[in-house]
PDB file of N, CA and C in Angstrom:
ATOM      1  N   MET A   1     218.044   5.622 -28.084  1.00  0.00           N
ATOM      2  CA  MET A   1     216.720   5.314 -28.544  1.00  0.00           C
ATOM      3  C   MET A   1     216.556   3.800 -28.483  1.00  0.00           C
ATOM      4  N   ALA A   2     215.756   3.361 -27.535  1.00  0.00           N
ATOM      5  CA  ALA A   2     215.550   1.922 -27.353  1.00  0.00           C
ATOM      6  C   ALA A   2     214.380   1.470 -28.227  1.00  0.00           C
ATOM      7  N   SER A   3     214.548   1.632 -29.521  1.00  0.00           N
ATOM      8  CA  SER A   3     213.432   1.427 -30.450  1.00  0.00           C
ATOM      9  C   SER A   3     213.169  -0.033 -30.787  1.00  0.00           C
ATOM     10  N   ARG A   4     214.207  -0.780 -31.001  1.00  0.00           N
ATOM     11  CA  ARG A   4     214.096  -2.166 -31.473  1.00  0.00           C
ATOM     12  C   ARG A   4     213.181  -2.240 -32.692  1.00  0.00           C
ATOM     13  N   GLY A   5     213.277  -1.200 -33.516  1.00  0.00           N
ATOM     14  CA  GLY A   5     212.514  -1.176 -34.762  1.00  0.00           C
ATOM     15  C   GLY A   5     211.010  -1.134 -34.582  1.00  0.00           C
ATOM     16  N   GLY A   6     210.558  -0.748 -33.388  1.00  0.00           N
ATOM     17  CA  GLY A   6     209.124  -0.700 -33.134  1.00  0.00           C
ATOM     18  C   GLY A   6     208.548  -2.008 -32.616  1.00  0.00           C
ATOM     19  N   ALA A   7     209.415  -2.926 -32.195  1.00  0.00           N
ATOM     20  CA  ALA A   7     208.946  -4.197 -31.624  1.00  0.00           C
ATOM     21  C   ALA A   7     208.148  -3.936 -30.346  1.00  0.00           C
ATOM     22  N   PRO A   8     207.303  -4.870 -29.941  1.00  0.00           N
ATOM     23  CA  PRO A   8     206.462  -4.649 -28.762  1.00  0.00           C
ATOM     24  C   PRO A   8     207.217  -4.625 -27.430  1.00  0.00           C
ATOM     25  N   GLU A   9     208.428  -5.192 -27.383  1.00  0.00           N
ATOM     26  CA  GLU A   9     209.213  -5.197 -26.149  1.00  0.00           C
ATOM     27  C   GLU A   9     210.448  -4.318 -26.299  1.00  0.00           C
ATOM     28  N   HIS A  10     210.924  -3.822 -25.158  1.00  0.00           N
ATOM     29  CA  HIS A  10     212.174  -3.070 -25.153  1.00  0.00           C
ATOM     30  C   HIS A  10     213.325  -3.996 -25.560  1.00  0.00           C
ATOM     31  N   PRO A  11     214.368  -3.444 -26.179  1.00  0.00           N
ATOM     32  CA  PRO A  11     215.523  -4.278 -26.532  1.00  0.00           C
ATOM     33  C   PRO A  11     216.266  -4.762 -25.285  1.00  0.00           C
ATOM     34  N   GLY A  12     216.955  -5.884 -25.427  1.00  0.00           N
ATOM     35  CA  GLY A  12     217.704  -6.446 -24.313  1.00  0.00           C
ATOM     36  C   GLY A  12     218.737  -5.490 -23.747  1.00  0.00           C
ATOM     37  N   TRP A  13     219.418  -4.743 -24.620  1.00  0.00           N
ATOM     38  CA  TRP A  13     220.455  -3.829 -24.118  1.00  0.00           C
ATOM     39  C   TRP A  13     219.848  -2.758 -23.217  1.00  0.00           C
ATOM     40  N   TYR A  14     218.618  -2.334 -23.514  1.00  0.00           N
ATOM     41  CA  TYR A  14     217.964  -1.327 -22.672  1.00  0.00           C
ATOM     42  C   TYR A  14     217.635  -1.930 -21.305  1.00  0.00           C
ATOM     43  N   GLN A  15     217.138  -3.134 -21.299  1.00  0.00           N
ATOM     44  CA  GLN A  15     216.831  -3.808 -20.037  1.00  0.00           C
ATOM     45  C   GLN A  15     218.099  -3.995 -19.204  1.00  0.00           C
ATOM     46  N   ASN A  16     219.215  -4.301 -19.864  1.00  0.00           N
ATOM     47  CA  ASN A  16     220.490  -4.437 -19.157  1.00  0.00           C
ATOM     48  C   ASN A  16     220.924  -3.102 -18.549  1.00  0.00           C
ATOM     49  N   LEU A  17     220.793  -2.015 -19.310  1.00  0.00           N
ATOM     50  CA  LEU A  17     221.168  -0.696 -18.782  1.00  0.00           C
ATOM     51  C   LEU A  17     220.260  -0.282 -17.630  1.00  0.00           C
ATOM     52  N   ALA A  18     218.985  -0.588 -17.727  1.00  0.00           N
ATOM     53  CA  ALA A  18     218.058  -0.249 -16.651  1.00  0.00           C
ATOM     54  C   ALA A  18     218.430  -0.990 -15.367  1.00  0.00           C
ATOM     55  N   ALA A  19     218.866  -2.236 -15.510  1.00  0.00           N
ATOM     56  CA  ALA A  19     219.244  -3.042 -14.349  1.00  0.00           C
ATOM     57  C   ALA A  19     220.639  -2.687 -13.825  1.00  0.00           C
ATOM     58  N   HIS A  20     221.518  -2.251 -14.723  1.00  0.00           N
ATOM     59  CA  HIS A  20     222.917  -1.960 -14.371  1.00  0.00           C
ATOM     60  C   HIS A  20     223.336  -0.642 -15.038  1.00  0.00           C
ATOM     61  N   PRO A  21     222.911   0.496 -14.490  1.00  0.00           N
ATOM     62  CA  PRO A  21     223.142   1.776 -15.166  1.00  0.00           C
ATOM     63  C   PRO A  21     224.570   2.319 -15.095  1.00  0.00           C
ATOM     64  N   GLU A  22     225.400   1.765 -14.217  1.00  0.00           N
ATOM     65  CA  GLU A  22     226.795   2.214 -14.140  1.00  0.00           C
ATOM     66  C   GLU A  22     227.561   1.513 -15.251  1.00  0.00           C
ATOM     67  N   ILE A  23     228.101   2.297 -16.177  1.00  0.00           N
ATOM     68  CA  ILE A  23     228.711   1.727 -17.382  1.00  0.00           C
ATOM     69  C   ILE A  23     230.071   2.349 -17.653  1.00  0.00           C
ATOM     70  N   GLN A  24     230.795   1.744 -18.590  1.00  0.00           N
ATOM     71  CA  GLN A  24     232.026   2.330 -19.099  1.00  0.00           C
ATOM     72  C   GLN A  24     231.814   2.533 -20.597  1.00  0.00           C
ATOM     73  N   VAL A  25     232.161   3.718 -21.060  1.00  0.00           N
ATOM     74  CA  VAL A  25     231.945   4.105 -22.451  1.00  0.00           C
ATOM     75  C   VAL A  25     233.294   4.363 -23.108  1.00  0.00           C
ATOM     76  N   GLN A  26     233.401   4.017 -24.378  1.00  0.00           N
ATOM     77  CA  GLN A  26     234.588   4.366 -25.140  1.00  0.00           C
ATOM     78  C   GLN A  26     234.147   5.015 -26.434  1.00  0.00           C
ATOM     79  N   VAL A  27     234.646   6.234 -26.661  1.00  0.00           N
ATOM     80  CA  VAL A  27     234.429   6.969 -27.903  1.00  0.00           C
ATOM     81  C   VAL A  27     235.808   7.268 -28.462  1.00  0.00           C
ATOM     82  N   MET A  28     236.149   6.554 -29.516  1.00  0.00           N
ATOM     83  CA  MET A  28     237.502   6.612 -30.068  1.00  0.00           C
ATOM     84  C   MET A  28     238.482   6.251 -28.943  1.00  0.00           C
ATOM     85  N   ALA A  29     239.439   7.120 -28.616  1.00  0.00           N
ATOM     86  CA  ALA A  29     240.421   6.808 -27.572  1.00  0.00           C
ATOM     87  C   ALA A  29     239.964   7.248 -26.188  1.00  0.00           C
ATOM     88  N   ASP A  30     238.844   7.938 -26.099  1.00  0.00           N
ATOM     89  CA  ASP A  30     238.335   8.463 -24.827  1.00  0.00           C
ATOM     90  C   ASP A  30     237.499   7.399 -24.122  1.00  0.00           C
ATOM     91  N   ARG A  31     237.984   6.937 -22.951  1.00  0.00           N
ATOM     92  CA  ARG A  31     237.249   5.966 -22.143  1.00  0.00           C
ATOM     93  C   ARG A  31     236.846   6.656 -20.853  1.00  0.00           C
ATOM     94  N   PHE A  32     235.584   6.461 -20.445  1.00  0.00           N
ATOM     95  CA  PHE A  32     235.125   7.099 -19.217  1.00  0.00           C
ATOM     96  C   PHE A  32     233.976   6.325 -18.593  1.00  0.00           C
ATOM     97  N   LYS A  33     233.813   6.536 -17.287  1.00  0.00           N
ATOM     98  CA  LYS A  33     232.693   5.951 -16.565  1.00  0.00           C
ATOM     99  C   LYS A  33     231.492   6.854 -16.749  1.00  0.00           C
ATOM    100  N   ALA A  34     230.327   6.235 -16.780  1.00  0.00           N
ATOM    101  CA  ALA A  34     229.098   7.001 -17.013  1.00  0.00           C
ATOM    102  C   ALA A  34     227.930   6.285 -16.342  1.00  0.00           C
ATOM    103  N   ARG A  35     226.821   6.965 -16.344  1.00  0.00           N
ATOM    104  CA  ARG A  35     225.569   6.399 -15.822  1.00  0.00           C
ATOM    105  C   ARG A  35     224.515   6.573 -16.916  1.00  0.00           C
ATOM    106  N   ALA A  36     223.790   5.489 -17.190  1.00  0.00           N
ATOM    107  CA  ALA A  36     222.716   5.519 -18.174  1.00  0.00           C
ATOM    108  C   ALA A  36     221.394   5.708 -17.440  1.00  0.00           C
ATOM    109  N   ARG A  37     220.528   6.503 -18.023  1.00  0.00           N
ATOM    110  CA  ARG A  37     219.200   6.695 -17.451  1.00  0.00           C
ATOM    111  C   ARG A  37     218.215   6.980 -18.565  1.00  0.00           C
ATOM    112  N   THR A  38     216.960   6.728 -18.287  1.00  0.00           N
ATOM    113  CA  THR A  38     215.896   7.010 -19.240  1.00  0.00           C
ATOM    114  C   THR A  38     215.502   8.471 -19.102  1.00  0.00           C
ATOM    115  N   ALA A  39     215.332   9.140 -20.218  1.00  0.00           N
ATOM    116  CA  ALA A  39     214.909  10.543 -20.198  1.00  0.00           C
ATOM    117  C   ALA A  39     213.579  10.668 -19.463  1.00  0.00           C
ATOM    118  N   THR A  40     213.444  11.734 -18.713  1.00  0.00           N
ATOM    119  CA  THR A  40     212.197  11.999 -18.002  1.00  0.00           C
ATOM    120  C   THR A  40     211.117  12.422 -18.999  1.00  0.00           C
ATOM    121  N   PRO A  41     209.858  12.388 -18.575  1.00  0.00           N
ATOM    122  CA  PRO A  41     208.793  12.869 -19.461  1.00  0.00           C
ATOM    123  C   PRO A  41     209.004  14.323 -19.911  1.00  0.00           C
ATOM    124  N   ALA A  42     209.631  15.132 -19.090  1.00  0.00           N
ATOM    125  CA  ALA A  42     209.902  16.524 -19.476  1.00  0.00           C
ATOM    126  C   ALA A  42     211.039  16.620 -20.496  1.00  0.00           C
ATOM    127  N   GLU A  43     212.032  15.743 -20.401  1.00  0.00           N
ATOM    128  CA  GLU A  43     213.191  15.767 -21.306  1.00  0.00           C
ATOM    129  C   GLU A  43     212.917  15.109 -22.649  1.00  0.00           C
ATOM    130  N   ARG A  44     212.077  14.102 -22.644  1.00  0.00           N
ATOM    131  CA  ARG A  44     211.907  13.240 -23.814  1.00  0.00           C
ATOM    132  C   ARG A  44     211.476  13.951 -25.099  1.00  0.00           C
ATOM    133  N   PRO A  45     210.470  14.840 -25.079  1.00  0.00           N
ATOM    134  CA  PRO A  45     210.013  15.414 -26.351  1.00  0.00           C
ATOM    135  C   PRO A  45     211.106  16.131 -27.150  1.00  0.00           C
ATOM    136  N   ALA A  46     211.918  16.930 -26.508  1.00  0.00           N
ATOM    137  CA  ALA A  46     212.978  17.652 -27.224  1.00  0.00           C
ATOM    138  C   ALA A  46     214.040  16.687 -27.736  1.00  0.00           C
ATOM    139  N   LEU A  47     214.395  15.702 -26.914  1.00  0.00           N
ATOM    140  CA  LEU A  47     215.394  14.724 -27.346  1.00  0.00           C
ATOM    141  C   LEU A  47     214.858  13.874 -28.499  1.00  0.00           C
ATOM    142  N   TRP A  48     213.586  13.482 -28.391  1.00  0.00           N
ATOM    143  CA  TRP A  48     212.978  12.694 -29.475  1.00  0.00           C
ATOM    144  C   TRP A  48     213.014  13.489 -30.781  1.00  0.00           C
ATOM    145  N   LYS A  49     212.634  14.742 -30.719  1.00  0.00           N
ATOM    146  CA  LYS A  49     212.609  15.585 -31.922  1.00  0.00           C
ATOM    147  C   LYS A  49     213.999  15.678 -32.545  1.00  0.00           C
ATOM    148  N   THR A  50     215.001  15.874 -31.726  1.00  0.00           N
ATOM    149  CA  THR A  50     216.380  15.964 -32.219  1.00  0.00           C
ATOM    150  C   THR A  50     216.803  14.662 -32.888  1.00  0.00           C
ATOM    151  N   MET A  51     216.552  13.543 -32.220  1.00  0.00           N
ATOM    152  CA  MET A  51     216.981  12.260 -32.762  1.00  0.00           C
ATOM    153  C   MET A  51     216.183  11.866 -34.003  1.00  0.00           C
ATOM    154  N   ALA A  52     214.887  12.162 -34.039  1.00  0.00           N
ATOM    155  CA  ALA A  52     214.070  11.849 -35.212  1.00  0.00           C
ATOM    156  C   ALA A  52     214.468  12.718 -36.407  1.00  0.00           C
ATOM    157  N   ALA A  53     215.000  13.889 -36.141  1.00  0.00           N
ATOM    158  CA  ALA A  53     215.506  14.730 -37.242  1.00  0.00           C
ATOM    159  C   ALA A  53     216.754  14.089 -37.862  1.00  0.00           C
ATOM    160  N   ILE A  54     217.535  13.412 -37.043  1.00  0.00           N
ATOM    161  CA  ILE A  54     218.740  12.733 -37.521  1.00  0.00           C
ATOM    162  C   ILE A  54     218.377  11.410 -38.194  1.00  0.00           C
ATOM    163  N   TRP A  55     217.432  10.671 -37.605  1.00  0.00           N
ATOM    164  CA  TRP A  55     217.015   9.359 -38.121  1.00  0.00           C
ATOM    165  C   TRP A  55     215.485   9.318 -38.140  1.00  0.00           C
ATOM    166  N   PRO A  56     214.855   9.788 -39.226  1.00  0.00           N
ATOM    167  CA  PRO A  56     213.390   9.880 -39.288  1.00  0.00           C
ATOM    168  C   PRO A  56     212.651   8.561 -39.053  1.00  0.00           C
ATOM    169  N   ALA A  57     213.306   7.447 -39.237  1.00  0.00           N
ATOM    170  CA  ALA A  57     212.648   6.154 -39.027  1.00  0.00           C
ATOM    171  C   ALA A  57     212.197   5.975 -37.578  1.00  0.00           C
ATOM    172  N   TYR A  58     212.763   6.733 -36.619  1.00  0.00           N
ATOM    173  CA  TYR A  58     212.309   6.610 -35.230  1.00  0.00           C
ATOM    174  C   TYR A  58     210.817   6.900 -35.117  1.00  0.00           C
ATOM    175  N   ASP A  59     210.321   7.860 -35.870  1.00  0.00           N
ATOM    176  CA  ASP A  59     208.883   8.145 -35.838  1.00  0.00           C
ATOM    177  C   ASP A  59     208.074   6.959 -36.370  1.00  0.00           C
ATOM    178  N   GLU A  60     208.601   6.296 -37.392  1.00  0.00           N
ATOM    179  CA  GLU A  60     207.936   5.100 -37.918  1.00  0.00           C
ATOM    180  C   GLU A  60     207.943   3.978 -36.883  1.00  0.00           C
ATOM    181  N   TYR A  61     209.060   3.812 -36.193  1.00  0.00           N
ATOM    182  CA  TYR A  61     209.159   2.774 -35.170  1.00  0.00           C
ATOM    183  C   TYR A  61     208.145   3.028 -34.057  1.00  0.00           C
ATOM    184  N   GLN A  62     208.009   4.289 -33.645  1.00  0.00           N
ATOM    185  CA  GLN A  62     207.067   4.614 -32.577  1.00  0.00           C
ATOM    186  C   GLN A  62     205.638   4.315 -33.020  1.00  0.00           C
ATOM    187  N   ALA A  63     205.348   4.558 -34.292  1.00  0.00           N
ATOM    188  CA  ALA A  63     204.007   4.303 -34.814  1.00  0.00           C
ATOM    189  C   ALA A  63     203.682   2.805 -34.848  1.00  0.00           C
ATOM    190  N   ARG A  64     204.702   1.953 -34.881  1.00  0.00           N
ATOM    191  CA  ARG A  64     204.499   0.501 -34.956  1.00  0.00           C
ATOM    192  C   ARG A  64     204.181  -0.148 -33.612  1.00  0.00           C
ATOM    193  N   THR A  65     204.387   0.564 -32.524  1.00  0.00           N
ATOM    194  CA  THR A  65     204.265  -0.067 -31.214  1.00  0.00           C
ATOM    195  C   THR A  65     203.412   0.757 -30.262  1.00  0.00           C
ATOM    196  N   ALA A  66     202.775   0.077 -29.329  1.00  0.00           N
ATOM    197  CA  ALA A  66     201.974   0.760 -28.315  1.00  0.00           C
ATOM    198  C   ALA A  66     202.845   1.266 -27.168  1.00  0.00           C
ATOM    199  N   ARG A  67     204.055   0.712 -27.021  1.00  0.00           N
ATOM    200  CA  ARG A  67     204.924   1.157 -25.927  1.00  0.00           C
ATOM    201  C   ARG A  67     205.574   2.489 -26.276  1.00  0.00           C
ATOM    202  N   GLU A  68     205.879   3.276 -25.273  1.00  0.00           N
ATOM    203  CA  GLU A  68     206.641   4.494 -25.518  1.00  0.00           C
ATOM    204  C   GLU A  68     208.112   4.097 -25.612  1.00  0.00           C
ATOM    205  N   ILE A  69     208.730   4.430 -26.721  1.00  0.00           N
ATOM    206  CA  ILE A  69     210.134   4.076 -26.922  1.00  0.00           C
ATOM    207  C   ILE A  69     210.986   4.951 -25.998  1.00  0.00           C
ATOM    208  N   PRO A  70     211.791   4.314 -25.143  1.00  0.00           N
ATOM    209  CA  PRO A  70     212.625   5.090 -24.231  1.00  0.00           C
ATOM    210  C   PRO A  70     213.780   5.791 -24.955  1.00  0.00           C
ATOM    211  N   VAL A  71     214.099   6.959 -24.474  1.00  0.00           N
ATOM    212  CA  VAL A  71     215.273   7.696 -24.907  1.00  0.00           C
ATOM    213  C   VAL A  71     216.284   7.583 -23.769  1.00  0.00           C
ATOM    214  N   VAL A  72     217.460   7.080 -24.058  1.00  0.00           N
ATOM    215  CA  VAL A  72     218.480   6.861 -23.032  1.00  0.00           C
ATOM    216  C   VAL A  72     219.475   8.015 -23.045  1.00  0.00           C
ATOM    217  N   ILE A  73     219.779   8.491 -21.860  1.00  0.00           N
ATOM    218  CA  ILE A  73     220.763   9.544 -21.677  1.00  0.00           C
ATOM    219  C   ILE A  73     221.966   8.920 -20.975  1.00  0.00           C
ATOM    220  N   ILE A  74     223.143   9.176 -21.499  1.00  0.00           N
ATOM    221  CA  ILE A  74     224.390   8.712 -20.897  1.00  0.00           C
ATOM    222  C   ILE A  74     225.098   9.934 -20.324  1.00  0.00           C
ATOM    223  N   GLU A  75     225.340   9.900 -19.016  1.00  0.00           N
ATOM    224  CA  GLU A  75     225.979  11.025 -18.332  1.00  0.00           C
ATOM    225  C   GLU A  75     227.319  10.577 -17.751  1.00  0.00           C
ATOM    226  N   ARG A  76     228.349  11.337 -18.044  1.00  0.00           N
ATOM    227  CA  ARG A  76     229.673  11.081 -17.488  1.00  0.00           C
ATOM    228  C   ARG A  76     229.636  11.212 -15.972  1.00  0.00           C
ATOM    229  N   THR A  77     230.326  10.305 -15.290  1.00  0.00           N
ATOM    230  CA  THR A  77     230.387  10.404 -13.826  1.00  0.00           C
ATOM    231  C   THR A  77     231.767  10.786 -13.372  1.00  0.00           C
TER     232      THR A  77
END
Protein backbone atom coordinates (compact mmCIF):
# COMPACT_ATOMS: atom_id res chain seq x y z
CA MET A 1 0.00 0.00 0.00
CA ALA A 2 1.79 3.08 -1.26
CA SER A 3 -0.29 5.35 0.95
CA ARG A 4 2.22 7.79 2.40
CA GLY A 5 -0.52 8.63 4.87
CA GLY A 6 -2.67 10.16 2.15
CA ALA A 7 -0.04 12.63 0.93
CA PRO A 8 -0.58 14.06 -2.56
CA GLU A 9 2.47 12.26 -4.03
CA HIS A 10 3.42 8.60 -4.11
CA PRO A 11 6.10 7.60 -1.58
CA GLY A 12 9.70 7.45 -2.75
CA TRP A 13 9.94 3.70 -2.18
CA TYR A 14 7.01 3.16 -4.58
CA GLN A 15 8.67 5.29 -7.25
CA ASN A 16 11.87 3.27 -6.77
CA LEU A 17 9.99 -0.03 -7.17
CA ALA A 18 8.20 1.25 -10.26
CA ALA A 19 11.56 2.18 -11.80
CA HIS A 20 13.37 -0.97 -10.61
CA PRO A 21 10.82 -3.78 -10.07
CA GLU A 22 13.36 -6.62 -9.81
CA ILE A 23 14.02 -6.91 -6.08
CA GLN A 24 15.38 -9.18 -3.38
CA VAL A 25 13.14 -9.88 -0.40
CA GLN A 26 13.97 -11.30 3.00
CA VAL A 27 11.31 -12.67 5.34
CA MET A 28 13.00 -13.99 8.45
CA ALA A 29 15.64 -16.43 7.09
CA ASP A 30 13.95 -16.82 3.68
CA ARG A 31 15.66 -14.72 0.99
CA PHE A 32 14.34 -14.72 -2.57
CA LYS A 33 14.23 -12.76 -5.80
CA ALA A 34 10.93 -11.18 -6.69
CA ARG A 35 9.25 -8.68 -8.97
CA ALA A 36 7.15 -5.79 -7.67
CA ARG A 37 4.18 -4.55 -9.64
CA THR A 38 1.15 -2.36 -9.12
CA ALA A 39 -2.15 -4.21 -8.83
CA THR A 40 -4.30 -3.95 -11.92
CA PRO A 41 -7.67 -2.17 -11.79
CA ALA A 42 -9.31 -5.62 -11.67
CA GLU A 43 -7.10 -6.84 -8.77
CA ARG A 44 -7.09 -3.69 -6.67
CA PRO A 45 -10.60 -3.67 -5.11
CA ALA A 46 -10.29 -7.08 -3.44
CA LEU A 47 -6.74 -6.41 -2.28
CA TRP A 48 -7.72 -2.98 -0.96
CA LYS A 49 -10.62 -4.48 0.99
CA THR A 50 -8.36 -7.13 2.53
CA MET A 51 -5.67 -4.64 3.52
CA ALA A 52 -8.15 -2.05 4.85
CA ALA A 53 -9.68 -4.77 7.03
CA ILE A 54 -6.22 -5.29 8.54
CA TRP A 55 -5.37 -1.56 8.77
CA PRO A 56 -8.57 0.57 8.58
CA ALA A 57 -6.55 3.79 8.36
CA TYR A 58 -5.93 3.01 4.65
CA ASP A 59 -9.48 4.15 3.94
CA GLU A 60 -8.76 7.40 5.79
CA TYR A 61 -5.56 7.89 3.81
CA GLN A 62 -7.42 7.39 0.52
CA ALA A 63 -10.00 9.97 1.59
CA ARG A 64 -7.20 12.53 2.18
CA THR A 65 -5.85 12.45 -1.36
CA ALA A 66 -7.09 12.79 -4.92
CA ARG A 67 -4.59 10.20 -6.18
CA GLU A 68 -5.48 6.53 -6.22
CA ILE A 69 -3.23 4.85 -3.68
CA PRO A 70 -1.36 2.03 -5.42
CA VAL A 71 -1.46 -1.49 -4.08
CA VAL A 72 1.87 -3.24 -4.68
CA ILE A 73 2.09 -6.95 -5.36
CA ILE A 74 5.38 -8.78 -4.79
CA GLU A 75 5.73 -11.97 -6.82
CA ARG A 76 8.49 -14.52 -6.35
CA THR A 77 10.55 -15.10 -9.49
